[in-house]
Protein backbone atom coordinates (compact mmCIF):
# COMPACT_ATOMS: atom_id res chain seq x y z
CA UNK A 1 8.91 -24.24 -39.58
CA UNK A 2 10.21 -20.73 -40.09
CA UNK A 3 8.00 -19.49 -42.85
CA UNK A 4 5.09 -20.45 -40.31
CA UNK A 5 7.01 -18.72 -37.08
CA UNK A 6 7.66 -15.35 -39.62
CA UNK A 7 3.58 -15.22 -40.52
CA UNK A 8 2.61 -15.25 -37.31
CA UNK A 9 4.60 -12.33 -35.79
CA UNK A 10 3.93 -10.80 -38.62
CA UNK A 11 0.65 -11.09 -37.90
CA UNK A 12 1.26 -10.17 -34.01
CA UNK A 13 3.01 -6.91 -35.34
CA UNK A 14 0.00 -6.06 -37.40
CA UNK A 15 -2.80 -6.60 -35.11
CA UNK A 16 -0.52 -4.92 -32.30
CA UNK A 17 -0.02 -1.42 -34.72
CA UNK A 18 -3.64 -1.75 -36.13
CA UNK A 19 -5.12 -1.61 -32.74
CA UNK A 20 -2.93 1.53 -31.71
CA UNK A 21 -3.79 3.24 -34.54
CA UNK A 22 -7.22 2.45 -34.08
CA UNK A 23 -7.93 3.47 -30.61
CA UNK A 24 -5.71 6.97 -31.62
CA UNK A 25 -8.51 7.62 -34.77
CA UNK A 26 -11.27 7.63 -31.59
CA UNK A 27 -9.65 9.94 -28.99
CA UNK A 28 -12.75 10.84 -27.24
CA UNK A 29 -13.43 7.41 -26.65
CA UNK A 30 -10.45 6.06 -25.77
CA UNK A 31 -9.97 9.26 -23.79
CA UNK A 32 -13.18 8.53 -21.80
CA UNK A 33 -12.39 4.84 -21.41
CA UNK A 34 -9.11 5.30 -19.89
CA UNK A 35 -10.03 7.70 -17.91
CA UNK A 36 -12.91 5.29 -15.92
CA UNK A 37 -10.26 2.90 -15.97
CA UNK A 38 -7.50 5.29 -14.76
CA UNK A 39 -9.49 6.72 -12.04
CA UNK A 40 -10.88 3.90 -10.73
CA UNK A 41 -7.63 2.20 -10.12
CA UNK A 42 -6.04 5.22 -8.80
CA UNK A 43 -8.28 5.21 -6.08
CA UNK A 44 -7.21 1.40 -4.37
CA UNK A 45 -3.82 2.42 -4.85
CA UNK A 46 -3.97 5.85 -2.82
CA UNK A 47 -5.38 3.36 -0.14
CA UNK A 48 -2.54 1.48 -0.30
CA UNK A 49 -0.51 4.10 0.00
CA UNK A 50 -1.85 5.81 3.06
CA UNK A 51 -2.16 1.89 4.56
CA UNK A 52 1.49 1.81 3.95
CA UNK A 53 2.70 5.09 5.76
CA UNK A 54 0.19 4.24 8.70
CA UNK A 55 1.70 1.36 9.32
CA UNK A 56 5.15 2.78 9.08
CA UNK A 57 3.71 5.47 11.44
CA UNK A 58 2.98 2.57 13.87
CA UNK A 59 6.55 1.83 13.74
CA UNK A 60 5.44 -2.09 13.15
CA UNK A 61 3.53 -1.42 16.64
CA UNK A 62 7.15 -1.45 18.40
CA UNK A 63 6.72 1.54 20.24
CA UNK A 64 3.43 0.43 21.55
CA UNK A 65 4.59 -3.14 22.40
CA UNK A 66 7.28 -1.45 24.75
CA UNK A 67 6.98 -1.03 28.66
CA UNK A 68 8.13 2.20 29.88
CA UNK A 69 8.94 1.53 33.55
CA UNK A 70 9.03 4.72 36.03
CA UNK A 71 11.17 3.97 38.74
CA UNK A 72 10.82 4.96 42.38
CA UNK A 73 12.43 8.48 42.46
CA UNK A 74 14.64 7.14 45.48
CA UNK A 75 16.34 4.21 43.18
CA UNK A 76 19.45 5.87 41.90
CA UNK A 77 21.29 5.74 38.40
CA UNK A 78 23.51 2.47 39.34
CA UNK A 79 20.31 0.63 41.01
CA UNK A 80 18.24 1.33 37.59
CA UNK A 81 21.47 0.09 35.45
CA UNK A 82 21.53 -3.12 37.61
CA UNK A 83 17.82 -3.68 37.48
CA UNK A 84 17.93 -2.90 33.52
CA UNK A 85 20.95 -5.64 33.48
CA UNK A 86 18.36 -8.34 35.74
CA UNK A 87 15.70 -7.69 33.09
CA UNK A 88 18.50 -8.41 30.37
CA UNK A 89 19.23 -11.58 30.89
CA UNK A 90 15.07 -12.48 30.60
CA UNK A 91 14.33 -15.09 27.64
CA UNK A 92 11.01 -13.18 27.56
CA UNK A 93 12.91 -9.62 27.29
CA UNK A 94 14.16 -8.74 23.76
CA UNK A 95 15.91 -5.21 25.23
CA UNK A 96 16.21 -2.70 27.98
CA UNK A 97 16.94 0.58 27.26
CA UNK A 98 17.92 3.26 31.07
CA UNK A 99 16.98 6.43 30.87
CA UNK A 100 18.46 8.59 33.06
CA UNK A 101 16.96 11.74 35.25
CA UNK A 102 19.19 13.81 33.20
CA UNK A 103 18.58 12.58 29.62
CA UNK A 104 14.78 12.33 30.80
CA UNK A 105 15.07 16.47 31.64
CA UNK A 106 17.32 17.67 28.39
CA UNK A 107 14.82 15.94 25.90
CA UNK A 108 11.45 17.22 28.34
CA UNK A 109 13.74 20.81 28.06
CA UNK A 110 14.02 19.91 24.48
CA UNK A 111 10.27 18.94 23.37
CA UNK A 112 8.17 21.55 25.96
CA UNK A 113 9.36 24.60 24.68
CA UNK A 114 9.57 25.13 28.92
CA UNK A 115 13.36 25.43 29.02
CA UNK A 116 13.97 28.89 30.84
CA UNK A 117 11.01 27.90 33.19
CA UNK A 118 12.74 24.47 34.15
CA UNK A 119 16.00 26.75 34.75
CA UNK A 120 14.71 27.83 38.17
CA UNK A 121 14.64 24.13 39.78
CA UNK A 122 16.82 23.41 42.19
CA UNK A 123 16.76 19.39 41.61
CA UNK A 124 15.56 17.16 38.55
CA UNK A 125 12.17 15.80 39.41
CA UNK A 126 12.39 12.95 36.77
CA UNK A 127 12.71 9.24 37.85
CA UNK A 128 15.05 6.86 35.97
CA UNK A 129 13.31 5.08 33.86
CA UNK A 130 13.53 1.76 31.86
CA UNK A 131 12.48 1.02 28.16
CA UNK A 132 11.65 -2.71 27.93
CA UNK A 133 10.95 -4.39 24.86
CA UNK A 134 8.99 -7.70 25.59
CA UNK A 135 9.79 -11.19 23.32
CA UNK A 136 6.27 -11.67 22.41
CA UNK A 137 5.41 -14.52 20.33
CA UNK A 138 1.26 -14.51 20.14
CA UNK A 139 1.06 -11.09 21.08
CA UNK A 140 -0.87 -11.50 24.16
CA UNK A 141 -3.08 -8.19 25.59
CA UNK A 142 -1.29 -8.43 28.78
CA UNK A 143 2.15 -10.52 29.31
CA UNK A 144 3.28 -12.14 32.60
CA UNK A 145 5.79 -9.12 32.50
CA UNK A 146 3.44 -6.50 32.62
CA UNK A 147 2.58 -7.96 35.98
CA UNK A 148 5.99 -8.78 37.66
CA UNK A 149 7.14 -5.47 36.87
CA UNK A 150 4.11 -3.78 38.21
CA UNK A 151 4.41 -6.10 41.17
CA UNK A 152 8.15 -5.13 41.87
CA UNK A 153 8.61 -2.54 44.77
CA UNK A 154 11.39 -0.73 42.65
CA UNK A 155 9.11 0.45 40.19
CA UNK A 156 6.49 3.40 40.64
CA UNK A 157 4.55 3.04 37.33
CA UNK A 158 4.39 0.95 34.51
CA UNK A 159 2.63 2.82 31.27
CA UNK A 160 1.55 -0.21 28.60
CA UNK A 161 -1.02 1.14 26.19
CA UNK A 162 -2.19 -2.46 25.56
CA UNK A 163 -5.90 -1.15 24.18
CA UNK A 164 -4.53 1.17 21.98
CA UNK A 165 -2.15 -1.21 20.19
CA UNK A 166 -4.80 -3.77 19.94
CA UNK A 167 -7.25 -0.84 18.61
CA UNK A 168 -4.51 0.05 15.68
CA UNK A 169 -3.46 -3.30 14.71
CA UNK A 170 -7.25 -3.84 14.09
CA UNK A 171 -8.34 -0.65 12.44
CA UNK A 172 -5.05 -1.32 10.14
CA UNK A 173 -6.16 -5.19 9.26
CA UNK A 174 -9.38 -3.85 8.28
CA UNK A 175 -8.02 -1.31 6.61
CA UNK A 176 -5.98 -3.70 4.22
CA UNK A 177 -9.33 -5.93 4.21
CA UNK A 178 -11.23 -2.55 2.74
CA UNK A 179 -8.46 -2.19 0.00
CA UNK A 180 -8.29 -5.86 -0.58
CA UNK A 181 -12.12 -5.61 -1.61
CA UNK A 182 -12.32 -2.48 -2.87
CA UNK A 183 -9.37 -3.26 -4.82
CA UNK A 184 -11.21 -6.43 -6.43
CA UNK A 185 -14.65 -4.73 -6.80
CA UNK A 186 -12.64 -1.74 -8.93
CA UNK A 187 -10.57 -4.49 -11.18
CA UNK A 188 -13.90 -5.90 -11.44
CA UNK A 189 -15.49 -2.63 -13.21
CA UNK A 190 -12.02 -2.34 -15.26
CA UNK A 191 -12.55 -6.01 -16.79
CA UNK A 192 -16.19 -4.44 -17.73
CA UNK A 193 -15.01 -1.30 -19.15
CA UNK A 194 -13.00 -2.82 -21.17
CA UNK A 195 -15.21 -4.84 -22.30
CA UNK A 196 -18.13 -3.08 -23.04
CA UNK A 197 -15.96 -1.01 -25.29
CA UNK A 198 -14.14 -3.77 -27.04
CA UNK A 199 -18.16 -5.03 -27.43
CA UNK A 200 -19.13 -1.86 -29.75
CA UNK A 201 -15.74 -1.78 -31.49
CA UNK A 202 -16.90 -5.56 -32.16
CA UNK A 203 -20.70 -4.84 -33.37
CA UNK A 204 -18.79 -1.44 -35.18
CA UNK A 205 -16.82 -4.35 -37.27
CA UNK A 206 -19.13 -7.56 -37.06
CA UNK A 207 -19.66 -6.85 -41.04
CA UNK A 208 -16.17 -6.92 -41.52
CA UNK A 209 -15.41 -9.97 -38.98
CA UNK A 210 -17.90 -12.03 -40.97
CA UNK A 211 -16.24 -11.33 -44.40
CA UNK A 212 -12.79 -12.39 -43.03
CA UNK A 213 -14.39 -15.78 -41.01
CA UNK A 214 -16.01 -16.44 -44.47
CA UNK A 215 -12.81 -16.40 -46.09
CA UNK A 216 -11.46 -19.29 -43.72
CA UNK A 217 -9.80 -16.43 -40.89
CA UNK A 218 -9.13 -18.65 -38.26
CA UNK A 219 -10.67 -17.81 -33.92
CA UNK A 220 -7.65 -15.79 -33.46
CA UNK A 221 -6.66 -14.41 -36.06
CA UNK A 222 -10.01 -12.54 -35.67
CA UNK A 223 -9.48 -12.18 -31.79
CA UNK A 224 -5.98 -10.56 -31.84
CA UNK A 225 -6.33 -7.07 -32.81
CA UNK A 226 -9.30 -7.12 -30.11
CA UNK A 227 -6.64 -8.62 -27.33
CA UNK A 228 -4.45 -5.98 -28.47
CA UNK A 229 -6.69 -3.27 -28.13
CA UNK A 230 -7.67 -3.99 -24.30
CA UNK A 231 -4.08 -4.42 -23.76
CA UNK A 232 -3.62 -1.08 -25.19
CA UNK A 233 -6.74 0.37 -22.64
CA UNK A 234 -4.90 -1.16 -19.62
CA UNK A 235 -1.69 0.58 -20.14
CA UNK A 236 -3.39 3.70 -20.82
CA UNK A 237 -5.66 3.68 -18.11
CA UNK A 238 -2.57 2.14 -15.38
CA UNK A 239 -0.52 4.87 -16.44
CA UNK A 240 -2.73 7.40 -15.64
CA UNK A 241 -3.43 5.65 -12.48
CA UNK A 242 -0.03 5.88 -11.62
CA UNK A 243 -0.11 9.68 -12.59
CA UNK A 244 -2.92 10.22 -10.87
CA UNK A 245 -1.41 8.76 -7.43
CA UNK A 246 1.72 11.01 -8.03
CA UNK A 247 -0.58 14.55 -8.46
CA UNK A 248 -2.60 13.40 -5.12
CA UNK A 249 1.52 12.64 -3.14
CA UNK A 250 2.95 16.11 -4.29
CA UNK A 251 -0.30 17.91 -3.75
CA UNK A 252 -0.34 16.45 -0.05
CA UNK A 253 3.71 16.20 0.79
CA UNK A 254 4.21 20.09 1.55
CA UNK A 255 1.54 20.29 4.12
CA UNK A 256 1.99 16.81 5.54
CA UNK A 257 5.83 17.48 5.57
CA UNK A 258 5.48 20.99 7.84
CA UNK A 259 3.05 18.72 10.40
CA UNK A 260 5.33 16.27 10.53
CA UNK A 261 7.86 18.78 11.07
CA UNK A 262 6.33 19.63 14.56
CA UNK A 263 7.12 16.42 15.68
CA UNK A 264 10.58 16.33 14.92
CA UNK A 265 10.20 14.15 11.51
CA UNK A 266 10.27 11.11 13.13
CA UNK A 267 8.21 9.49 10.43
CA UNK A 268 9.19 9.42 6.82
CA UNK A 269 7.55 9.19 3.63
CA UNK A 270 6.95 6.28 2.04
CA UNK A 271 5.61 7.12 -1.91
CA UNK A 272 4.51 5.15 -4.93
CA UNK A 273 7.85 3.66 -6.43
CA UNK A 274 8.73 3.12 -10.09
CA UNK A 275 8.62 -1.07 -8.97
CA UNK A 276 4.96 -0.17 -7.55
CA UNK A 277 3.74 1.78 -10.66
CA UNK A 278 5.62 -1.70 -12.95
CA UNK A 279 3.52 -3.80 -11.74
CA UNK A 280 0.13 -1.39 -11.51
CA UNK A 281 0.99 -1.31 -15.39
CA UNK A 282 0.94 -5.28 -15.41
CA UNK A 283 -1.80 -5.87 -13.67
CA UNK A 284 -3.71 -3.17 -15.80
CA UNK A 285 -2.63 -4.35 -19.20
CA UNK A 286 -3.43 -7.63 -17.67
CA UNK A 287 -7.04 -7.18 -16.27
CA UNK A 288 -7.69 -4.84 -20.06
CA UNK A 289 -6.59 -8.34 -22.08
CA UNK A 290 -8.81 -10.21 -19.79
CA UNK A 291 -11.93 -7.95 -20.47
CA UNK A 292 -11.61 -8.07 -24.69
CA UNK A 293 -10.84 -12.02 -23.96
CA UNK A 294 -14.26 -12.35 -22.45
CA UNK A 295 -16.35 -10.53 -25.01
CA UNK A 296 -14.32 -11.52 -28.38
CA UNK A 297 -14.61 -15.55 -26.90
CA UNK A 298 -18.29 -15.06 -26.62
CA UNK A 299 -18.70 -13.17 -29.99
CA UNK A 300 -16.75 -16.03 -31.24
CA UNK A 301 -19.16 -18.72 -29.70
CA UNK A 302 -22.62 -16.99 -30.34
CA UNK A 303 -21.96 -14.96 -33.81
CA UNK A 304 -19.88 -17.48 -35.99
CA UNK A 305 -21.66 -16.50 -39.27
CA UNK A 306 -23.41 -20.25 -41.01
CA UNK A 307 -22.04 -21.19 -44.26
């Protein structure tokens, strides 16, 4: 049993090394296959990074879910706090944040750039504002709380961008479906590219394969070096895809950070982490292995020499 295990492991080591050496001996053919695989895999990965950052930019749609309640100017800060406490006790309200007129004016002064013009004002024209986060289970377009707030005598206006939230949610959902569809199509393309490359390699070694089959070599022995070749194509293609995504991220990072700086850095960029990179390389190597397995299995069933 021990000898059989040693022989089996030695055959795998030989196939592992021989497949890598054969890829190195054909640098142009290997580079072409790896480039096609890497670029095909990089496209859905870039879309994934874009959607991930868009999801973070939307803040999980939390801000769009909030009600911005503008109270009437006659309502004092004490009345605003009492109203906030009243709303906070409701079962359908998650939280309530009170913004006084002084806080609103200070924020407007900081963001608008009209600090000197605001200094000439005798009185603060801004009302008290309540930011109400409802506890929405089924995410309706207009929760009942919205109608009650609009009908309240203390409320001047309620801002709730439900339509914008629905459009953004639909856009992100469409983007996720498109990413999955593109990932499946390009994954299939990757399998076909590896399969065609392995098929050409098999055709070039058909006489050698026929000889070892006549000598009694098993299907596993014949298939093994080609499976390892598919594995190497997948690993190299996955590495190239990760490298391409990293280059694109670095190229757009500086101008994107400049753009975000104009919004007071309220949004943090999410790049491609090392765990994602390992997952991509693993999935790519699996796709390469599958492509090689399909082609070699078909050859073994259709091209077996007759005794």
